[in-house]
Amino acid sequence: MALPAGRDRSEPESRTLVERAANGEAAASAELYIALRAPVRALCRRLLRSDGDAEEAAADVLLRIERLARDYDDSITFRGFVLRAATNHCIDRLRRRRLERRWIASVAGTVETTSPSPSPLSRLVGREHRDRVRAAIRTLPDVYRVVLVLRYYRELSYDEIAERLQMPRATVGTALFRAKALLRSRLGSAEP
């Protein structure tokens, strides 16, 4: 790995460590993980403003440390490279969170008005739509209903849901995807 001009060349151990991790050496990857854990978590916490989400995001990034070492282009420090990857990951999570909230708000029938207090008609329509959504959620199979409620009403992370339900995180994601699709189809068929 060649260092760019003007860069501090007193880090041969760090360069060697990154090279060893890139070659799949578990001890080197573990050492990088330990060294970068605190700054990555701190960055994720600042970006996501949630300790639980920050822990999850930091773990997602740091578990890919070996791949990051292979992709490292040496134009910046490895620490900076990993922090950039963590920033991008957090931005993706924030986008996903915003899309999920927008989706659940549209499904739940949140009526936005420009006035501080909605009209009686708006409140009635909103209440009827929310009641219809709640009724549709009650008809979902247990696992779909539970993951939807835990994610969107209790606002738990995928990992927290997986822990509570004692299932793999990937299963939680699949169940949420299927639950939303089923809910969407049931609400669509209930339209007048």
Protein backbone atom coordinates (compact mmCIF):
# COMPACT_ATOMS: atom_id res chain seq x y z
CA MET A 1 0.00 0.00 0.00
CA ALA A 2 1.62 3.24 -1.09
CA LEU A 3 1.01 6.34 0.98
CA PRO A 4 0.05 9.56 -0.81
CA ALA A 5 2.48 12.48 -0.65
CA GLY A 6 2.18 14.68 2.42
CA ARG A 7 0.66 11.96 4.57
CA ASP A 8 2.12 10.93 7.91
CA ARG A 9 4.37 7.97 7.21
CA SER A 10 4.85 7.07 10.89
CA GLU A 11 1.98 4.58 10.87
CA PRO A 12 3.56 1.41 9.41
CA GLU A 13 1.83 -0.72 12.06
CA SER A 14 -1.57 0.67 11.04
CA ARG A 15 -0.92 0.06 7.34
CA THR A 16 0.26 -3.45 8.09
CA LEU A 17 -2.77 -4.07 10.28
CA VAL A 18 -5.15 -2.96 7.51
CA GLU A 19 -3.30 -5.13 4.98
CA ARG A 20 -3.51 -8.14 7.30
CA ALA A 21 -7.25 -7.55 7.83
CA ALA A 22 -7.73 -7.22 4.07
CA ASN A 23 -6.08 -10.62 3.68
CA GLY A 24 -8.61 -12.15 6.06
CA GLU A 25 -6.56 -12.34 9.24
CA ALA A 26 -9.11 -12.48 12.06
CA ALA A 27 -6.75 -11.09 14.73
CA ALA A 28 -6.04 -7.98 12.63
CA SER A 29 -9.76 -7.47 11.96
CA ALA A 30 -10.48 -7.80 15.68
CA GLU A 31 -7.77 -5.28 16.54
CA LEU A 32 -9.21 -2.78 14.02
CA TYR A 33 -12.70 -3.43 15.36
CA ILE A 34 -11.59 -2.64 18.91
CA ALA A 35 -9.63 0.45 17.86
CA LEU A 36 -12.49 1.91 15.80
CA ARG A 37 -15.47 0.88 17.93
CA ALA A 38 -15.62 4.05 20.08
CA PRO A 39 -15.31 6.65 17.28
CA VAL A 40 -17.77 4.80 15.04
CA ARG A 41 -20.33 4.49 17.84
CA ALA A 42 -19.91 8.17 18.77
CA LEU A 43 -20.44 9.24 15.16
CA CYS A 44 -23.50 6.99 14.76
CA ARG A 45 -24.96 8.32 18.01
CA ARG A 46 -24.57 11.92 16.83
CA LEU A 47 -26.13 11.17 13.44
CA LEU A 48 -28.98 8.92 14.54
CA ARG A 49 -29.72 10.52 17.93
CA SER A 50 -30.64 7.17 19.41
CA ASP A 51 -28.39 4.92 21.47
CA GLY A 52 -30.10 1.74 20.27
CA ASP A 53 -29.97 2.69 16.59
CA ALA A 54 -26.38 3.90 17.01
CA GLU A 55 -25.29 0.58 18.53
CA GLU A 56 -26.98 -1.32 15.71
CA ALA A 57 -25.50 0.90 12.99
CA ALA A 58 -22.00 0.79 14.49
CA ALA A 59 -22.17 -2.99 14.69
CA ASP A 60 -23.33 -3.19 11.07
CA VAL A 61 -20.35 -1.10 9.93
CA LEU A 62 -17.73 -2.72 12.16
CA LEU A 63 -18.78 -6.24 11.24
CA ARG A 64 -17.78 -5.35 7.68
CA ILE A 65 -14.27 -4.29 8.77
CA GLU A 66 -12.56 -6.96 6.67
CA ARG A 67 -14.39 -5.89 3.52
CA LEU A 68 -13.68 -2.24 4.31
CA ALA A 69 -9.98 -3.12 4.63
CA ARG A 70 -10.10 -4.76 1.17
CA ASP A 71 -11.89 -1.74 -0.34
CA TYR A 72 -9.59 0.79 1.33
CA ASP A 73 -8.04 3.09 -1.28
CA ASP A 74 -5.42 4.77 0.93
CA SER A 75 -6.42 8.31 -0.11
CA ILE A 76 -7.31 9.09 3.52
CA THR A 77 -6.56 7.42 6.83
CA PHE A 78 -8.25 4.08 7.40
CA ARG A 79 -10.06 5.60 10.39
CA GLY A 80 -11.42 8.36 8.12
CA PHE A 81 -12.38 5.76 5.53
CA VAL A 82 -14.34 3.72 8.11
CA LEU A 83 -15.99 6.87 9.52
CA ARG A 84 -17.06 7.83 5.98
CA ALA A 85 -18.58 4.35 5.57
CA ALA A 86 -20.35 4.77 8.93
CA THR A 87 -21.70 8.18 7.87
CA ASN A 88 -23.08 6.74 4.63
CA HIS A 89 -24.63 3.84 6.52
CA CYS A 90 -26.33 6.20 8.99
CA ILE A 91 -27.65 8.39 6.19
CA ASP A 92 -29.14 5.29 4.56
CA ARG A 93 -30.77 4.32 7.88
CA LEU A 94 -32.22 7.82 8.28
CA ARG A 95 -33.67 7.69 4.75
CA ARG A 96 -35.14 4.25 5.43
CA ARG A 97 -36.59 5.48 8.74
CA ARG A 98 -38.15 8.50 7.03
CA LEU A 99 -39.65 6.32 4.28
CA GLU A 100 -41.03 3.86 6.83
CA ARG A 101 -42.61 6.65 8.86
CA ARG A 102 -44.08 8.17 5.71
CA TRP A 103 -45.47 4.78 4.72
CA ILE A 104 -47.01 4.07 8.12
CA ALA A 105 -48.45 7.60 8.24
CA SER A 106 -50.06 7.13 4.83
CA VAL A 107 -51.42 3.73 5.83
CA ALA A 108 -52.68 5.05 9.16
CA GLY A 109 -54.34 7.95 7.39
CA THR A 110 -52.64 10.82 9.12
CA VAL A 111 -54.42 13.93 7.86
CA GLU A 112 -52.12 16.89 7.56
CA THR A 113 -53.69 20.31 7.62
CA THR A 114 -52.26 23.79 7.42
CA SER A 115 -54.31 24.99 10.39
CA PRO A 116 -53.30 24.09 13.93
CA SER A 117 -56.60 22.33 14.57
CA PRO A 118 -58.16 20.09 11.92
CA SER A 119 -61.76 20.53 10.95
CA PRO A 120 -64.39 18.18 12.40
CA LEU A 121 -64.67 16.50 8.99
CA SER A 122 -60.89 15.94 8.82
CA ARG A 123 -60.91 14.43 12.30
CA LEU A 124 -63.78 12.12 11.37
CA VAL A 125 -62.14 10.95 8.14
CA GLY A 126 -58.81 10.44 9.94
CA ARG A 127 -60.47 8.47 12.74
CA GLU A 128 -62.37 6.26 10.29
CA HIS A 129 -59.19 5.56 8.31
CA ARG A 130 -57.20 4.75 11.48
CA ASP A 131 -59.98 2.43 12.64
CA ARG A 132 -59.92 0.67 9.27
CA VAL A 133 -56.12 0.25 9.47
CA ARG A 134 -56.33 -1.09 13.02
CA ALA A 135 -59.04 -3.53 11.96
CA ALA A 136 -56.88 -4.70 9.03
CA ILE A 137 -53.88 -5.13 11.33
CA ARG A 138 -55.99 -7.29 13.68
CA THR A 139 -56.72 -9.68 10.79
CA LEU A 140 -53.02 -10.30 10.04
CA PRO A 141 -51.38 -13.55 11.13
CA ASP A 142 -49.87 -13.28 14.62
CA VAL A 143 -46.22 -12.95 13.60
CA TYR A 144 -46.98 -10.19 11.05
CA ARG A 145 -49.22 -8.31 13.45
CA VAL A 146 -46.69 -8.49 16.27
CA VAL A 147 -43.70 -7.28 14.19
CA LEU A 148 -45.75 -4.39 12.75
CA VAL A 149 -46.89 -3.26 16.17
CA LEU A 150 -43.42 -3.59 17.71
CA ARG A 151 -41.75 -1.72 14.84
CA TYR A 152 -44.22 1.09 14.12
CA TYR A 153 -46.17 1.57 17.32
CA ARG A 154 -43.49 0.67 19.89
CA GLU A 155 -40.67 1.93 17.58
CA LEU A 156 -38.31 -0.95 18.38
CA SER A 157 -35.29 -1.68 16.18
CA TYR A 158 -35.02 -4.89 14.16
CA ASP A 159 -32.52 -6.24 16.70
CA GLU A 160 -34.80 -5.45 19.64
CA ILE A 161 -37.70 -7.18 17.89
CA ALA A 162 -35.50 -10.19 17.08
CA GLU A 163 -34.43 -10.41 20.71
CA ARG A 164 -37.98 -10.13 22.05
CA LEU A 165 -39.39 -12.67 19.62
CA GLN A 166 -36.29 -14.90 19.73
CA MET A 167 -35.88 -15.00 15.97
CA PRO A 168 -33.09 -14.04 13.57
CA ARG A 169 -32.88 -10.38 12.54
CA ALA A 170 -33.30 -11.34 8.87
CA THR A 171 -36.57 -13.10 9.73
CA VAL A 172 -37.83 -9.89 11.34
CA GLY A 173 -37.08 -7.97 8.14
CA THR A 174 -38.81 -10.57 6.00
CA ALA A 175 -41.84 -10.66 8.31
CA LEU A 176 -42.13 -6.85 8.21
CA PHE A 177 -41.89 -6.81 4.43
CA ARG A 178 -44.60 -9.47 4.10
CA ALA A 179 -46.77 -7.83 6.77
CA LYS A 180 -46.70 -4.49 4.96
CA ALA A 181 -47.49 -6.12 1.62
CA LEU A 182 -50.40 -8.07 3.13
CA LEU A 183 -51.69 -5.01 4.97
CA ARG A 184 -51.46 -2.95 1.78
CA SER A 185 -53.43 -5.57 -0.17
CA ARG A 186 -56.10 -5.86 2.54
CA LEU A 187 -56.51 -2.12 2.73
CA GLY A 188 -56.60 -1.87 -1.05
CA SER A 189 -59.36 -4.48 -1.30
CA ALA A 190 -61.32 -2.64 1.40
CA GLU A 191 -61.45 0.58 -0.62
CA PRO A 192 -65.00 1.52 -1.73
